[in-house]
């Protein structure tokens, strides 16, 4: 998965430099942390994704969930705390077996269907690059509280612009 993450990072660099890139987007706002997500499609069912993970309000708990698809992460800006567990998806959340902090430049993977985690930005929003692979067969999607929609145009443009700054892509 880390080799696919490197490919995704290169693809995103080219896409950010190309003003005609067709970005797909989603605003995940059914649980904390809220996430702004933009992506482009790679080959073989992979997605190259940029995430902005927004702060969790004081007193709120971050969602503890599984990844239906194997995923690789590269933290570009900001840091987040994460709790990690392992248990069948779609059932009761398993105990958290480890908590850690992810810092800028760190690369991580969640490739097993039984991998669970929560994330909570430390001080401010976090931008990460992710590569998302084809779904594990028979693994359910995380249930959402409501329908998810594309980012509003102003938020999509701001995430693209902020990502260009992180990548040093100007113009």
Protein backbone atom coordinates (compact mmCIF):
# COMPACT_ATOMS: atom_id res chain seq x y z
CA UNK A 1 0.00 0.00 0.00
CA UNK A 2 2.91 2.39 0.65
CA UNK A 3 4.01 2.08 -2.99
CA UNK A 4 0.48 3.06 -4.06
CA UNK A 5 0.65 5.98 -1.62
CA UNK A 6 3.80 7.24 -3.35
CA UNK A 7 2.05 6.94 -6.72
CA UNK A 8 -0.97 8.83 -5.39
CA UNK A 9 1.28 11.61 -4.05
CA UNK A 10 2.86 12.02 -7.50
CA UNK A 11 -0.51 11.98 -9.24
CA UNK A 12 -1.87 14.60 -6.85
CA UNK A 13 1.17 16.82 -7.48
CA UNK A 14 0.40 16.78 -11.22
CA UNK A 15 -3.33 17.29 -10.66
CA UNK A 16 -2.77 20.27 -8.36
CA UNK A 17 -0.57 21.88 -11.03
CA UNK A 18 -3.27 21.39 -13.68
CA UNK A 19 -6.10 23.93 -13.33
CA UNK A 20 -8.39 21.76 -15.49
CA UNK A 21 -8.28 18.76 -13.11
CA UNK A 22 -11.75 17.33 -12.48
CA UNK A 23 -11.92 16.88 -8.70
CA UNK A 24 -14.50 14.65 -7.04
CA UNK A 25 -15.43 15.69 -3.51
CA UNK A 26 -17.37 14.78 -0.39
CA UNK A 27 -18.13 16.61 2.82
CA UNK A 28 -18.27 14.07 5.62
CA UNK A 29 -20.25 15.84 8.31
CA UNK A 30 -22.33 13.09 9.88
CA UNK A 31 -19.91 12.55 12.80
CA UNK A 32 -16.78 14.11 14.27
CA UNK A 33 -14.31 14.89 13.01
CA UNK A 34 -15.88 16.43 9.93
CA UNK A 35 -13.75 15.81 6.85
CA UNK A 36 -13.42 17.62 3.53
CA UNK A 37 -12.31 15.15 0.86
CA UNK A 38 -11.22 15.66 -2.74
CA UNK A 39 -9.92 12.94 -5.01
CA UNK A 40 -9.01 11.77 -8.48
CA UNK A 41 -9.24 8.24 -9.80
CA UNK A 42 -6.12 6.15 -10.34
CA UNK A 43 -5.98 2.87 -12.21
CA UNK A 44 -7.04 -0.54 -10.82
CA UNK A 45 -9.78 0.95 -8.64
CA UNK A 46 -7.51 3.14 -6.48
CA UNK A 47 -8.26 6.73 -5.48
CA UNK A 48 -5.72 9.50 -4.79
CA UNK A 49 -7.30 11.57 -2.01
CA UNK A 50 -6.63 14.77 -0.11
CA UNK A 51 -8.34 15.03 3.30
CA UNK A 52 -8.80 18.01 5.52
CA UNK A 53 -9.70 16.68 8.96
CA UNK A 54 -11.42 19.42 10.95
CA UNK A 55 -11.05 19.86 14.72
CA UNK A 56 -13.38 17.97 17.03
CA UNK A 57 -15.45 20.33 19.20
CA UNK A 58 -14.57 20.36 22.88
CA UNK A 59 -16.53 17.66 24.69
CA UNK A 60 -17.34 15.72 21.49
CA UNK A 61 -15.96 12.26 20.80
CA UNK A 62 -14.45 11.28 17.45
CA UNK A 63 -16.09 8.46 15.51
CA UNK A 64 -14.43 5.06 16.01
CA UNK A 65 -14.86 3.14 12.74
CA UNK A 66 -13.40 0.60 10.31
CA UNK A 67 -12.07 1.13 6.79
CA UNK A 68 -13.99 -0.78 4.12
CA UNK A 69 -11.09 -0.22 1.75
CA UNK A 70 -7.36 -0.65 2.38
CA UNK A 71 -5.90 2.83 2.90
CA UNK A 72 -2.49 4.47 3.12
CA UNK A 73 -2.01 7.88 4.77
CA UNK A 74 0.64 10.60 4.53
CA UNK A 75 0.21 13.49 7.00
CA UNK A 76 1.05 16.72 5.16
CA UNK A 77 0.13 19.40 7.70
CA UNK A 78 -0.95 19.26 11.34
CA UNK A 79 -0.97 16.36 13.78
CA UNK A 80 -3.69 14.12 15.09
CA UNK A 81 -4.23 11.68 17.91
CA UNK A 82 -5.50 8.28 16.94
CA UNK A 83 -6.86 5.25 18.76
CA UNK A 84 -6.53 1.86 17.09
CA UNK A 85 -8.36 -1.43 17.61
CA UNK A 86 -9.12 -4.63 15.76
CA UNK A 87 -12.48 -6.35 15.43
CA UNK A 88 -15.16 -7.38 12.93
CA UNK A 89 -16.57 -4.44 10.95
CA UNK A 90 -20.22 -3.61 11.44
CA UNK A 91 -20.31 -5.06 14.95
CA UNK A 92 -19.69 -3.50 18.35
CA UNK A 93 -16.50 -1.44 18.40
CA UNK A 94 -13.52 -3.41 19.68
CA UNK A 95 -11.39 -2.17 22.58
CA UNK A 96 -8.79 0.44 21.71
CA UNK A 97 -5.44 -1.30 22.04
CA UNK A 98 -3.15 1.61 21.20
CA UNK A 99 -3.22 5.40 21.12
CA UNK A 100 -0.60 7.44 19.32
CA UNK A 101 0.01 10.76 17.57
CA UNK A 102 0.62 11.07 13.81
CA UNK A 103 2.95 13.92 12.83
CA UNK A 104 3.65 15.64 9.49
CA UNK A 105 5.59 13.37 7.16
CA UNK A 106 4.38 10.14 8.79
CA UNK A 107 3.04 7.38 6.61
CA UNK A 108 0.60 4.79 7.95
CA UNK A 109 -1.59 2.06 6.54
CA UNK A 110 -4.87 0.44 7.47
CA UNK A 111 -5.08 -2.54 5.16
CA UNK A 112 -7.01 -5.21 7.07
CA UNK A 113 -10.82 -5.16 7.09
CA UNK A 114 -10.79 -5.57 10.88
CA UNK A 115 -8.70 -2.39 11.44
CA UNK A 116 -10.62 0.26 13.40
CA UNK A 117 -9.52 3.76 14.39
CA UNK A 118 -10.55 7.24 15.44
CA UNK A 119 -8.69 10.46 14.68
CA UNK A 120 -8.71 13.80 16.46
CA UNK A 121 -6.62 16.79 15.30
CA UNK A 122 -4.29 18.04 18.02
CA UNK A 123 -4.41 21.83 17.54
CA UNK A 124 -5.96 22.69 14.18
CA UNK A 125 -7.16 20.98 11.03
CA UNK A 126 -4.98 18.32 9.43
CA UNK A 127 -4.34 17.79 5.74
CA UNK A 128 -3.36 14.30 4.66
CA UNK A 129 -2.85 12.51 1.38
CA UNK A 130 -4.51 9.10 1.22
CA UNK A 131 -4.57 6.30 -1.25
CA UNK A 132 -7.70 4.19 -1.10
CA UNK A 133 -7.78 0.75 -2.70
CA UNK A 134 -10.64 -1.42 -3.93
CA UNK A 135 -13.13 -2.46 -1.24
CA UNK A 136 -12.62 -5.64 0.75
CA UNK A 137 -15.29 -8.11 -0.44
CA UNK A 138 -18.29 -8.45 1.88
CA UNK A 139 -17.28 -5.60 4.19
CA UNK A 140 -20.12 -3.14 4.84
CA UNK A 141 -19.82 0.61 4.41
CA UNK A 142 -19.86 2.64 7.61
CA UNK A 143 -23.45 3.61 8.36
CA UNK A 144 -24.01 7.36 8.10
CA UNK A 145 -26.51 9.48 9.97
CA UNK A 146 -27.54 11.31 6.81
CA UNK A 147 -26.70 11.58 3.13
CA UNK A 148 -23.28 12.91 2.26
CA UNK A 149 -22.82 15.49 -0.49
CA UNK A 150 -20.10 17.10 -2.56
CA UNK A 151 -18.19 20.01 -1.04
CA UNK A 152 -19.71 23.42 -1.73
CA UNK A 153 -17.70 25.13 -4.51
CA UNK A 154 -16.02 27.61 -2.15
CA UNK A 155 -14.80 24.84 0.19
CA UNK A 156 -13.58 22.71 -2.72
CA UNK A 157 -11.65 25.68 -4.13
CA UNK A 158 -10.15 26.46 -0.71
CA UNK A 159 -9.00 22.85 -0.18
CA UNK A 160 -7.41 22.77 -3.64
CA UNK A 161 -5.69 26.12 -2.98
CA UNK A 162 -4.44 25.08 0.46
CA UNK A 163 -3.15 21.81 -1.01
CA UNK A 164 -1.34 23.70 -3.79
CA UNK A 165 0.41 25.77 -1.12
CA UNK A 166 1.47 22.61 0.76
CA UNK A 167 2.84 21.11 -2.45
CA UNK A 168 4.53 24.33 -3.54
CA UNK A 169 2.42 24.49 -6.70
CA UNK A 170 1.81 28.11 -7.66
CA UNK A 171 0.06 29.71 -10.58
